[in-house]
Amino acid sequence: MTVLEMALVRQQELGWALLGVILTALAFRIMRPGERRGLRVTWVVSALSLVALGVVSRLENASLFATTAMAMAVVLWGLACIHLVATLVFRGILPALGLNVPRIAHDLTFTGLSLAWGILWLRLGGVDPTQLFTTSAVITAVLAFSMQDTLGNVLGGVTLQLDNSLRVGDWVRMEDVSGKVTDVHWRFTAIETRNSELVIIPNSWLMKNRFTVMRAPVDAPFAWRRSVQFNIDPNADPAAVIRALEHAVLDAEIPFVHTDPAPNAILSEVASGYCRYTLRYWLGDPRQDDPSDSAVRMHALAALGRAGVRPGVPQEEHLMIKENDSWRAAQHMQDSERRLDAIRRTELFAQLPAEEQKTLAGHLVHAPFVAGDIITRQGAVAHWLYLIIRGEARVLVDSPEGRLPVATLRDGAIFGEMGMLTGEARSATVIAATTVDCYRLDKEGFAKVLEARPEIATEMTAIVEARNVERHALLERAGQSAANHGDLLDRIRSFFSLRA
């Protein structure tokens, strides 16, 4: 007796079995309301099986139509059972055990078991499935060619799961899409954006293109570095701006923002009218990227305001002859006043007549340094001196015990005068301890004043010798001996080619 004849005899038993499938699916639907869409295949296949059984019951004899309808009912019942079991395992039992398996595992399991059920049913019906495949090689090739995209999606989804490159729950970014992976199907990967949009990405596309996955490392919390930018007034002290930006995050409790790793700020761009700073911080939840950026900006703006830092505005200069010339003249006058004030506050030049001070001020060159810059290096030869306007610098000398600190220079201090007046090599290294704003005066600029009044050399000698006494004392405390190069006045005259 064939399986079809047995099915005809046991039509009532099949009906009860189908009822059992429907009741089990209904119970699962009640216990897991969120899986109502996952049972759609079970409902549809069960309904079709019921229809086939209804056709059999309408026919009085075992005609060809009744046999065919009963066969369809058996096949559909088997598919309903397979889909229900796969749903119970992958959507019920495994999640209850804490194992969230992607949808592709459910789909491939159902597809594989359905194929196995079809082959088994054919064998029980007396049909050898291998003959179907061997006699339809052309059809098989055509089907394989037409389904290459589908096969690519299936294999892509399987590969993404096997190599663990994409998992359900990962936050990903690709091209203009950013969101959370909610499921991996046999054909596509579903990504839910922050706007509650469900974006469908074919698995084959993911295999061929680059995408970014934000995922926490093993045994460590999630941390994603974000960057926000600020346009700041170019006259602001960069060190002060960077310090204010970093402490805006460190000294605040911002939800989802880590303070370890610590934030850091950099000067990323210098443009017309502003300097652009980038504040980089670490975010603990990728779904909060935009709100966290906004919160960090608010805290940073408040910190900059407390530090007295103004925002920068992009500027464009339009050439207007009359107004432009007057503006430049005003700027030149302000700059000249600053230079002249620097000369007047310097001990070496404070006693010079006003005209000679103006001449020296006209030869000053602006020379800014940031913390860590080496302004002068011991042993180097440079024919200029420095006037510190604002900031702090450390004086160091090299010794057998290493580099030793001997002094700290602050606003109004000068150094390097021996190099400018005599050409002597630097006796110490000077390093900026903070941002240092200073002017530089070279030999050529001072020579203009000496040519007009050579007796200035005598006045300078008395001041420089007094400074040398202090310098020698500092060097001796550091274990260094200062060399005596003879009469200072003769050396100045010789260096500038002046007559005695």
Protein backbone atom coordinates (compact mmCIF):
# COMPACT_ATOMS: atom_id res chain seq x y z
CA MET A 1 0.00 0.00 0.00
CA THR A 2 1.40 3.39 -1.03
CA VAL A 3 1.57 6.41 1.24
CA LEU A 4 -1.24 8.03 -0.70
CA GLU A 5 -3.57 5.06 -0.14
CA MET A 6 -2.65 5.08 3.52
CA ALA A 7 -3.41 8.80 3.67
CA LEU A 8 -6.84 8.22 2.12
CA VAL A 9 -7.62 5.60 4.72
CA ARG A 10 -6.31 7.76 7.57
CA GLN A 11 -7.97 11.01 6.48
CA GLN A 12 -9.49 11.51 9.92
CA GLU A 13 -6.16 10.97 11.70
CA LEU A 14 -4.55 13.58 9.43
CA GLY A 15 -7.29 16.02 10.30
CA TRP A 16 -6.61 15.56 14.02
CA ALA A 17 -2.87 15.98 13.42
CA LEU A 18 -3.49 19.20 11.50
CA LEU A 19 -5.72 20.41 14.33
CA GLY A 20 -2.88 19.73 16.75
CA VAL A 21 -0.58 21.92 14.63
CA ILE A 22 -3.12 24.74 14.62
CA LEU A 23 -3.72 24.56 18.39
CA THR A 24 0.02 24.48 19.13
CA ALA A 25 0.58 27.52 16.90
CA LEU A 26 -2.31 29.30 18.60
CA ALA A 27 -0.84 28.60 22.06
CA PHE A 28 2.55 29.91 20.98
CA ARG A 29 0.86 32.98 19.51
CA ILE A 30 -0.80 33.67 22.89
CA MET A 31 2.43 33.17 24.87
CA ARG A 32 4.57 35.21 22.45
CA PRO A 33 2.38 38.00 21.00
CA GLY A 34 5.37 39.56 19.28
CA GLU A 35 5.82 36.53 17.03
CA ARG A 36 2.47 36.75 15.27
CA ARG A 37 4.17 37.60 11.96
CA GLY A 38 6.56 34.65 12.35
CA LEU A 39 3.63 32.22 12.31
CA ARG A 40 2.13 33.47 9.06
CA VAL A 41 3.63 30.61 7.02
CA THR A 42 2.26 28.06 9.49
CA TRP A 43 -1.23 29.59 9.29
CA VAL A 44 -1.23 29.81 5.49
CA VAL A 45 0.11 26.27 4.93
CA SER A 46 -2.29 24.83 7.53
CA ALA A 47 -5.21 26.59 5.85
CA LEU A 48 -4.22 25.18 2.48
CA SER A 49 -3.97 21.71 4.00
CA LEU A 50 -7.46 22.10 5.46
CA VAL A 51 -8.75 23.11 2.05
CA ALA A 52 -7.17 20.01 0.52
CA LEU A 53 -8.79 17.82 3.21
CA GLY A 54 -12.11 19.50 2.50
CA VAL A 55 -11.77 18.60 -1.17
CA VAL A 56 -11.10 14.97 -0.23
CA SER A 57 -14.17 14.83 2.01
CA ARG A 58 -16.33 16.18 -0.84
CA LEU A 59 -15.28 13.34 -3.16
CA GLU A 60 -17.03 10.02 -2.58
CA ASN A 61 -14.52 7.71 -4.21
CA ALA A 62 -10.74 7.51 -4.39
CA SER A 63 -10.57 9.15 -7.75
CA LEU A 64 -7.46 10.77 -9.14
CA PHE A 65 -8.63 14.12 -7.84
CA ALA A 66 -9.15 12.77 -4.31
CA THR A 67 -5.75 11.10 -4.38
CA THR A 68 -4.06 14.27 -5.54
CA ALA A 69 -5.88 16.42 -2.97
CA MET A 70 -4.93 14.03 -0.18
CA ALA A 71 -1.31 14.05 -1.31
CA MET A 72 -1.28 17.84 -1.23
CA ALA A 73 -2.83 17.80 2.26
CA VAL A 74 -0.07 15.47 3.50
CA VAL A 75 2.69 17.59 1.94
CA LEU A 76 1.25 20.83 3.33
CA TRP A 77 0.74 19.30 6.76
CA GLY A 78 4.39 18.28 6.80
CA LEU A 79 5.48 21.81 5.81
CA ALA A 80 3.26 23.30 8.52
CA CYS A 81 4.80 20.96 11.11
CA ILE A 82 8.35 21.83 10.00
CA HIS A 83 7.73 25.57 10.08
CA LEU A 84 6.03 25.37 13.47
CA VAL A 85 8.85 23.32 14.99
CA ALA A 86 11.48 25.73 13.57
CA THR A 87 9.53 28.69 14.96
CA LEU A 88 9.19 27.08 18.39
CA VAL A 89 12.92 26.35 18.53
CA PHE A 90 14.32 29.59 17.11
CA ARG A 91 11.65 32.03 18.34
CA GLY A 92 10.64 30.37 21.58
CA ILE A 93 13.08 27.97 23.19
CA LEU A 94 16.42 29.56 22.22
CA PRO A 95 15.39 33.14 23.18
CA ALA A 96 14.13 31.79 26.50
CA LEU A 97 17.63 30.37 27.05
CA GLY A 98 19.19 33.76 26.24
CA LEU A 99 20.30 32.82 22.71
CA ASN A 100 19.13 35.28 20.06
CA VAL A 101 19.73 33.58 16.73
CA PRO A 102 19.31 35.64 13.52
CA ARG A 103 16.31 35.01 11.31
CA ILE A 104 18.47 33.48 8.59
CA ALA A 105 19.08 30.40 10.78
CA HIS A 106 15.31 29.89 11.05
CA ASP A 107 14.78 30.41 7.31
CA LEU A 108 17.59 28.07 6.25
CA THR A 109 16.49 25.39 8.71
CA PHE A 110 12.94 25.53 7.41
CA THR A 111 14.12 25.44 3.80
CA GLY A 112 16.49 22.52 4.38
CA LEU A 113 13.94 20.43 6.30
CA SER A 114 11.27 21.20 3.69
CA LEU A 115 13.53 19.90 0.93
CA ALA A 116 14.28 16.80 2.97
CA TRP A 117 10.57 16.28 3.58
CA GLY A 118 9.85 16.63 -0.15
CA ILE A 119 12.51 14.09 -1.06
CA LEU A 120 11.26 11.67 1.62
CA TRP A 121 7.67 12.06 0.43
CA LEU A 122 8.71 11.32 -3.17
CA ARG A 123 10.63 8.21 -2.11
CA LEU A 124 7.66 6.93 -0.06
CA GLY A 125 5.49 7.58 -3.09
CA GLY A 126 7.70 5.36 -5.23
CA VAL A 127 9.50 8.17 -7.11
CA ASP A 128 13.29 8.31 -7.25
CA PRO A 129 14.27 12.03 -6.88
CA THR A 130 17.70 11.47 -8.42
CA GLN A 131 16.10 10.71 -11.77
CA LEU A 132 14.39 14.09 -11.74
CA PHE A 133 17.71 15.91 -11.32
CA THR A 134 19.63 13.85 -13.88
CA THR A 135 16.95 14.18 -16.57
CA SER A 136 16.53 17.93 -16.11
CA ALA A 137 20.13 19.20 -16.17
CA VAL A 138 19.23 22.03 -18.56
CA ILE A 139 16.33 23.15 -16.39
CA THR A 140 18.56 23.00 -13.31
CA ALA A 141 21.20 25.16 -15.02
CA VAL A 142 18.59 27.71 -16.09
CA LEU A 143 17.17 27.85 -12.57
CA ALA A 144 20.65 28.24 -11.05
CA PHE A 145 21.47 31.07 -13.45
CA SER A 146 18.20 32.88 -12.80
CA MET A 147 18.61 32.50 -9.02
CA GLN A 148 22.21 33.62 -8.77
CA ASP A 149 21.22 36.85 -6.99
CA THR A 150 19.10 34.87 -4.54
CA LEU A 151 21.92 32.40 -3.94
CA GLY A 152 24.32 35.31 -3.47
CA ASN A 153 22.05 36.78 -0.82
CA VAL A 154 21.70 33.45 0.98
CA LEU A 155 25.43 32.70 0.93
CA GLY A 156 26.18 36.30 1.92
CA GLY A 157 23.90 36.09 4.93
CA VAL A 158 25.41 32.78 6.00
CA THR A 159 28.96 34.09 5.59
CA LEU A 160 28.25 37.25 7.58
CA GLN A 161 27.02 35.09 10.45
CA LEU A 162 29.80 32.52 10.25
CA ASP A 163 32.65 35.06 10.32
CA ASN A 164 30.83 37.09 13.01
CA SER A 165 31.27 40.31 11.03
CA LEU A 166 27.63 41.31 11.52
CA ARG A 167 25.37 40.39 14.41
CA VAL A 168 21.84 41.22 15.47
CA GLY A 169 22.03 44.21 17.80
CA ASP A 170 25.14 45.74 16.18
CA TRP A 171 25.07 49.43 15.31
CA VAL A 172 26.26 49.89 11.72
CA ARG A 173 26.92 52.75 9.34
CA MET A 174 27.04 52.46 5.57
CA GLU A 175 26.88 55.28 3.04
CA ASP A 176 23.93 57.43 4.25
CA VAL A 177 22.39 54.77 6.53
CA SER A 178 23.10 54.45 10.24
CA GLY A 179 21.13 52.19 12.54
CA LYS A 180 20.76 48.96 14.49
CA VAL A 181 20.74 45.50 12.91
CA THR A 182 17.39 44.03 13.88
CA ASP A 183 17.50 40.81 11.87
CA VAL A 184 19.40 38.88 9.19
CA HIS A 185 17.10 37.08 6.75
CA TRP A 186 18.02 34.68 3.98
CA ARG A 187 17.67 37.50 1.44
CA PHE A 188 18.43 40.73 3.28
CA THR A 189 19.61 42.35 6.50
CA ALA A 190 17.14 44.65 8.27
CA ILE A 191 18.48 47.87 9.81
CA GLU A 192 16.34 50.13 11.98
CA THR A 193 17.41 53.80 11.99
CA ARG A 194 16.90 56.36 14.75
CA ASN A 195 13.92 57.66 12.74
CA SER A 196 12.23 54.24 13.13
CA GLU A 197 12.83 53.55 9.44
CA LEU A 198 13.43 49.93 8.48
CA VAL A 199 16.12 49.83 5.80
CA ILE A 200 16.50 46.64 3.79
CA ILE A 201 20.06 45.86 2.60
CA PRO A 202 20.61 42.80 0.34
CA ASN A 203 23.15 40.41 1.85
CA SER A 204 25.08 40.25 -1.42
CA TRP A 205 25.58 44.05 -1.27
CA LEU A 206 27.05 43.74 2.22
CA MET A 207 29.51 41.16 0.93
CA LYS A 208 30.74 43.48 -1.83
CA ASN A 209 30.83 46.84 -0.05
CA ARG A 210 32.36 48.41 3.02
CA PHE A 211 30.35 49.11 6.14
CA THR A 212 31.28 50.18 9.67
CA VAL A 213 30.27 48.23 12.77
CA MET A 214 30.23 49.93 16.19
CA ARG A 215 30.67 47.08 18.65
CA ALA A 216 32.02 46.88 22.20
CA PRO A 217 35.28 44.94 22.61
CA VAL A 218 35.36 41.76 24.69
CA ASP A 219 35.14 42.44 28.45
CA ALA A 220 35.01 46.21 27.96
CA PRO A 221 32.18 48.76 27.75
CA PHE A 222 31.16 50.23 24.44
CA ALA A 223 33.05 53.42 23.56
CA TRP A 224 32.70 55.27 20.25
CA ARG A 225 34.80 58.37 19.67
CA ARG A 226 32.79 61.34 18.44
CA SER A 227 34.00 64.76 17.25
CA VAL A 228 32.40 68.20 17.53
CA GLN A 229 33.94 71.36 16.13
CA PHE A 230 34.03 74.99 17.23
CA ASN A 231 35.09 78.16 15.39
CA ILE A 232 37.02 80.34 17.83
CA ASP A 233 38.43 83.86 17.71
CA PRO A 234 42.01 83.58 16.32
CA ASN A 235 43.28 85.92 19.06
CA ALA A 236 42.34 83.42 21.77
CA ASP A 237 45.13 81.49 23.49
CA PRO A 238 45.06 77.97 21.93
CA ALA A 239 46.18 76.33 25.17
CA ALA A 240 43.36 78.02 27.09
CA VAL A 241 40.78 77.01 24.47
CA ILE A 242 41.91 73.38 24.48
CA ARG A 243 41.90 73.28 28.27
CA ALA A 244 38.39 74.75 28.44
CA LEU A 245 37.02 72.30 25.86
CA GLU A 246 38.47 69.25 27.58
CA HIS A 247 37.29 70.29 31.04
CA ALA A 248 33.81 70.97 29.63
CA VAL A 249 33.43 67.18 29.41
CA LEU A 250 35.60 66.15 32.36
CA ASP A 251 33.89 68.51 34.80
CA ALA A 252 30.32 67.64 33.78
CA GLU A 253 27.99 64.67 34.09
CA ILE A 254 26.67 64.19 30.56
CA PRO A 255 24.52 61.08 30.00
CA PHE A 256 26.14 58.36 27.87
CA VAL A 257 29.45 60.30 27.68
CA HIS A 258 32.58 58.64 29.11
CA THR A 259 35.28 60.53 30.98
CA ASP A 260 37.56 57.47 30.73
CA PRO A 261 39.00 57.41 28.10
CA ALA A 262 39.43 61.13 28.60
CA PRO A 263 38.33 63.63 25.93
CA ASN A 264 40.93 65.59 24.01
CA ALA A 265 40.80 68.76 21.94
CA ILE A 266 43.03 69.81 19.06
CA LEU A 267 43.53 72.87 16.89
CA SER A 268 42.44 71.38 13.58
CA GLU A 269 42.29 74.35 11.19
CA VAL A 270 43.37 77.97 10.89
CA ALA A 271 41.21 80.05 8.55
CA SER A 272 40.36 83.66 7.82
CA GLY A 273 38.65 85.12 10.87
CA TYR A 274 38.62 81.99 13.02
CA CYS A 275 40.52 78.97 14.27
CA ARG A 276 38.68 75.66 14.21
CA TYR A 277 39.05 73.38 17.23
CA THR A 278 37.89 69.78 17.35
CA LEU A 279 36.73 68.26 20.64
CA ARG A 280 36.82 64.46 20.61
CA TYR A 281 34.95 62.54 23.29
CA TRP A 282 33.85 58.92 23.87
CA LEU A 283 30.19 57.94 23.63
CA GLY A 284 28.73 54.92 25.43
CA ASP A 285 25.57 54.39 23.34
CA PRO A 286 25.58 54.81 19.54
CA ARG A 287 21.85 55.51 19.52
CA GLN A 288 22.52 58.74 21.45
CA ASP A 289 25.03 60.25 19.01
CA ASP A 290 23.13 63.38 17.96
CA PRO A 291 21.68 64.21 21.43
CA SER A 292 25.09 63.66 23.02
CA ASP A 293 26.80 65.87 20.44
CA SER A 294 24.28 68.59 21.30
CA ALA A 295 24.84 68.20 25.05
CA VAL A 296 28.63 68.31 24.65
CA ARG A 297 28.35 71.46 22.52
CA MET A 298 26.22 73.17 25.18
CA HIS A 299 28.68 72.35 27.96
CA ALA A 300 31.62 73.41 25.77
CA LEU A 301 30.05 76.76 24.87
CA ALA A 302 29.40 77.45 28.54
CA ALA A 303 33.00 76.57 29.44
CA LEU A 304 34.35 78.81 26.66
CA GLY A 305 32.16 81.64 27.91
CA ARG A 306 33.52 81.24 31.45
CA ALA A 307 37.05 81.33 30.05
CA GLY A 308 36.31 84.56 28.17
CA VAL A 309 36.80 82.94 24.77
CA ARG A 310 34.78 84.44 21.94
CA PRO A 311 33.60 82.55 18.86
CA GLY A 312 35.27 83.24 15.54
CA VAL A 313 33.47 84.44 12.45
CA PRO A 314 34.65 83.72 8.88
CA GLN A 315 35.82 86.95 7.29
CA GLU A 316 36.11 88.24 3.76
CA GLU A 317 38.10 91.32 2.86
CA HIS A 318 36.67 93.53 0.12
CA LEU A 319 39.06 96.02 -1.43
CA MET A 320 37.76 99.57 -0.90
CA ILE A 321 40.65 101.96 -1.47
CA LYS A 322 39.74 104.80 0.90
CA GLU A 323 38.32 102.75 3.77
CA ASN A 324 40.85 99.94 3.35
CA ASP A 325 43.82 102.33 3.53
CA SER A 326 42.48 104.00 6.65
CA TRP A 327 41.81 100.63 8.29
CA ARG A 328 45.31 99.45 7.52
CA ALA A 329 46.77 102.70 8.82
CA ALA A 330 44.88 102.25 12.07
CA GLN A 331 46.05 98.66 12.35
CA HIS A 332 49.63 99.73 11.65
CA MET A 333 49.41 102.42 14.32
CA GLN A 334 48.11 99.94 16.90
CA ASP A 335 50.86 97.48 16.04
CA SER A 336 53.51 100.22 16.26
CA GLU A 337 52.24 101.24 19.69
CA ARG A 338 52.48 97.65 20.92
CA ARG A 339 56.05 97.34 19.64
CA LEU A 340 57.09 100.68 21.10
CA ASP A 341 55.58 99.73 24.44
CA ALA A 342 57.61 96.53 24.41
CA ILE A 343 60.82 98.53 23.81
CA ARG A 344 60.01 101.01 26.60
CA ARG A 345 59.39 98.23 29.12
CA THR A 346 62.73 96.56 28.34
CA GLU A 347 65.58 97.36 30.73
CA LEU A 348 68.16 97.35 27.95
CA PHE A 349 66.41 100.04 25.88
CA ALA A 350 64.35 101.95 28.45
CA GLN A 351 66.87 104.84 28.73
CA LEU A 352 67.19 105.45 24.98
CA PRO A 353 65.69 108.63 23.45
CA ALA A 354 62.18 108.33 22.01
CA GLU A 355 63.34 108.48 18.38
CA GLU A 356 65.82 105.66 18.86
CA GLN A 357 63.16 103.59 20.61
CA LYS A 358 60.86 104.10 17.62
CA THR A 359 63.64 102.98 15.29
CA LEU A 360 64.16 99.79 17.28
CA ALA A 361 60.40 99.19 17.49
CA GLY A 362 60.19 99.32 13.71
CA HIS A 363 62.64 96.40 13.46
CA LEU A 364 60.88 94.10 15.94
CA VAL A 365 59.58 90.84 14.47
CA HIS A 366 56.62 89.09 16.10
CA ALA A 367 57.69 85.63 17.33
CA PRO A 368 55.00 83.52 19.08
CA PHE A 369 55.76 80.15 20.68
CA VAL A 370 53.59 77.46 22.26
CA ALA A 371 54.34 75.40 25.35
CA GLY A 372 57.22 73.03 24.67
CA ASP A 373 58.84 75.07 21.90
CA ILE A 374 62.61 75.49 22.16
CA ILE A 375 63.15 79.24 21.73
CA THR A 376 66.97 79.11 21.90
CA ARG A 377 69.32 76.16 22.21
CA GLN A 378 72.56 76.15 24.19
CA GLY A 379 75.60 76.41 21.92
CA ALA A 380 73.64 77.74 18.93
CA VAL A 381 74.73 80.97 17.24
CA ALA A 382 71.95 83.48 16.53
CA HIS A 383 72.40 87.23 16.17
CA TRP A 384 69.16 88.36 17.82
CA LEU A 385 67.50 88.80 21.19
CA TYR A 386 63.93 88.14 22.42
CA LEU A 387 61.52 90.36 24.36
CA ILE A 388 58.79 88.44 26.20
CA ILE A 389 55.44 90.25 26.06
CA ARG A 390 53.29 87.57 27.66
CA GLY A 391 53.99 84.07 28.93
CA GLU A 392 56.57 82.07 30.81
CA ALA A 393 59.81 80.37 29.70
CA ARG A 394 62.30 78.15 31.50
CA VAL A 395 66.08 78.63 31.27
CA LEU A 396 68.06 75.38 31.30
CA VAL A 397 71.80 74.62 31.06
CA ASP A 398 73.45 71.37 30.02
CA SER A 399 75.72 69.76 32.59
CA PRO A 400 77.32 66.34 33.18
CA GLU A 401 74.32 65.56 35.41
CA GLY A 402 71.90 66.44 32.62
CA ARG A 403 69.84 69.51 31.80
CA LEU A 404 69.39 71.72 34.89
CA PRO A 405 66.85 74.56 35.38
CA VAL A 406 68.43 77.86 36.40
CA ALA A 407 65.74 80.52 35.96
CA THR A 408 62.20 81.35 34.82
CA LEU A 409 61.50 84.26 32.49
CA ARG A 410 58.18 86.10 32.53
CA ASP A 411 56.47 89.15 31.03
CA GLY A 412 58.92 91.93 30.17
CA ALA A 413 62.06 89.80 30.32
CA ILE A 414 64.70 89.76 27.57
CA PHE A 415 67.29 87.12 26.73
CA GLY A 416 69.84 86.47 24.01
CA GLU A 417 71.31 90.00 24.11
CA MET A 418 74.90 88.69 24.02
CA GLY A 419 74.16 86.93 20.76
CA MET A 420 72.85 90.15 19.23
CA LEU A 421 75.57 92.45 20.60
CA THR A 422 78.67 90.25 20.26
CA GLY A 423 77.70 87.18 18.22
CA GLU A 424 78.41 84.94 21.23
CA ALA A 425 76.90 81.43 21.19
CA ARG A 426 73.90 80.81 23.41
CA SER A 427 74.92 79.98 26.99
CA ALA A 428 71.62 78.27 27.88
CA THR A 429 68.55 76.65 26.43
CA VAL A 430 65.24 78.50 26.76
CA ILE A 431 61.99 76.51 26.46
CA ALA A 432 58.45 77.92 26.49
CA ALA A 433 56.66 76.70 29.63
CA THR A 434 53.36 78.23 28.48
CA THR A 435 52.21 79.99 25.36
CA VAL A 436 54.80 82.76 24.90
CA ASP A 437 54.17 85.91 22.89
CA CYS A 438 57.38 87.83 22.19
CA TYR A 439 59.26 90.02 19.74
CA ARG A 440 62.64 89.38 18.16
CA LEU A 441 65.27 92.07 17.43
CA ASP A 442 68.19 91.12 15.21
CA LYS A 443 71.65 92.61 14.67
CA GLU A 444 70.63 94.54 11.54
CA GLY A 445 67.86 96.38 13.38
CA PHE A 446 70.11 97.42 16.27
CA ALA A 447 72.87 98.44 13.83
CA LYS A 448 70.62 101.22 12.49
CA VAL A 449 70.68 102.90 15.91
CA LEU A 450 74.42 102.37 16.41
CA GLU A 451 75.21 103.94 13.03
CA ALA A 452 73.32 107.09 14.01
CA ARG A 453 74.81 107.28 17.51
CA PRO A 454 77.83 104.99 18.15
CA GLU A 455 78.13 106.06 21.80
CA ILE A 456 75.06 103.90 22.52
CA ALA A 457 77.48 100.97 22.66
CA THR A 458 78.99 102.43 25.83
CA GLU A 459 75.55 102.81 27.44
CA MET A 460 74.60 99.25 26.49
CA THR A 461 77.85 97.87 27.93
CA ALA A 462 77.07 99.00 31.49
CA ILE A 463 73.60 97.46 31.40
CA VAL A 464 74.72 94.19 29.80
CA GLU A 465 77.63 93.78 32.24
CA ALA A 466 75.23 94.12 35.15
CA ARG A 467 73.00 91.46 33.58
CA ASN A 468 76.04 89.24 33.00
CA VAL A 469 76.82 89.32 36.71
CA GLU A 470 73.38 87.87 37.41
CA ARG A 471 73.74 85.36 34.58
CA HIS A 472 77.15 84.17 35.83
CA ALA A 473 75.72 83.68 39.32
CA LEU A 474 72.91 81.54 37.94
CA LEU A 475 75.34 79.46 35.89
CA GLU A 476 77.62 78.93 38.87
CA ARG A 477 74.69 77.72 40.99
CA ALA A 478 74.03 75.17 38.23
CA GLY A 479 77.69 74.09 38.32
CA GLN A 480 78.59 75.90 35.09
CA SER A 481 81.41 78.42 34.68
CA ALA A 482 80.82 81.44 32.44
CA ALA A 483 83.61 82.20 30.00
CA ASN A 484 85.31 85.62 30.08
CA HIS A 485 85.83 86.90 26.58
CA GLY A 486 87.62 90.14 27.43
CA ASP A 487 86.33 93.70 27.30
CA LEU A 488 82.63 93.74 26.37
CA LEU A 489 82.70 97.19 24.78
CA ASP A 490 85.54 96.17 22.44
CA ARG A 491 83.66 93.07 21.44
CA ILE A 492 80.49 95.07 20.65
CA ARG A 493 82.47 97.57 18.54
CA SER A 494 84.25 94.78 16.75
CA PHE A 495 81.02 92.90 16.04
CA PHE A 496 79.33 96.00 14.58
CA SER A 497 82.52 97.36 12.97
CA LEU A 498 82.45 100.59 15.01
CA ARG A 499 85.41 102.88 15.51
CA ALA A 500 86.72 103.40 19.05
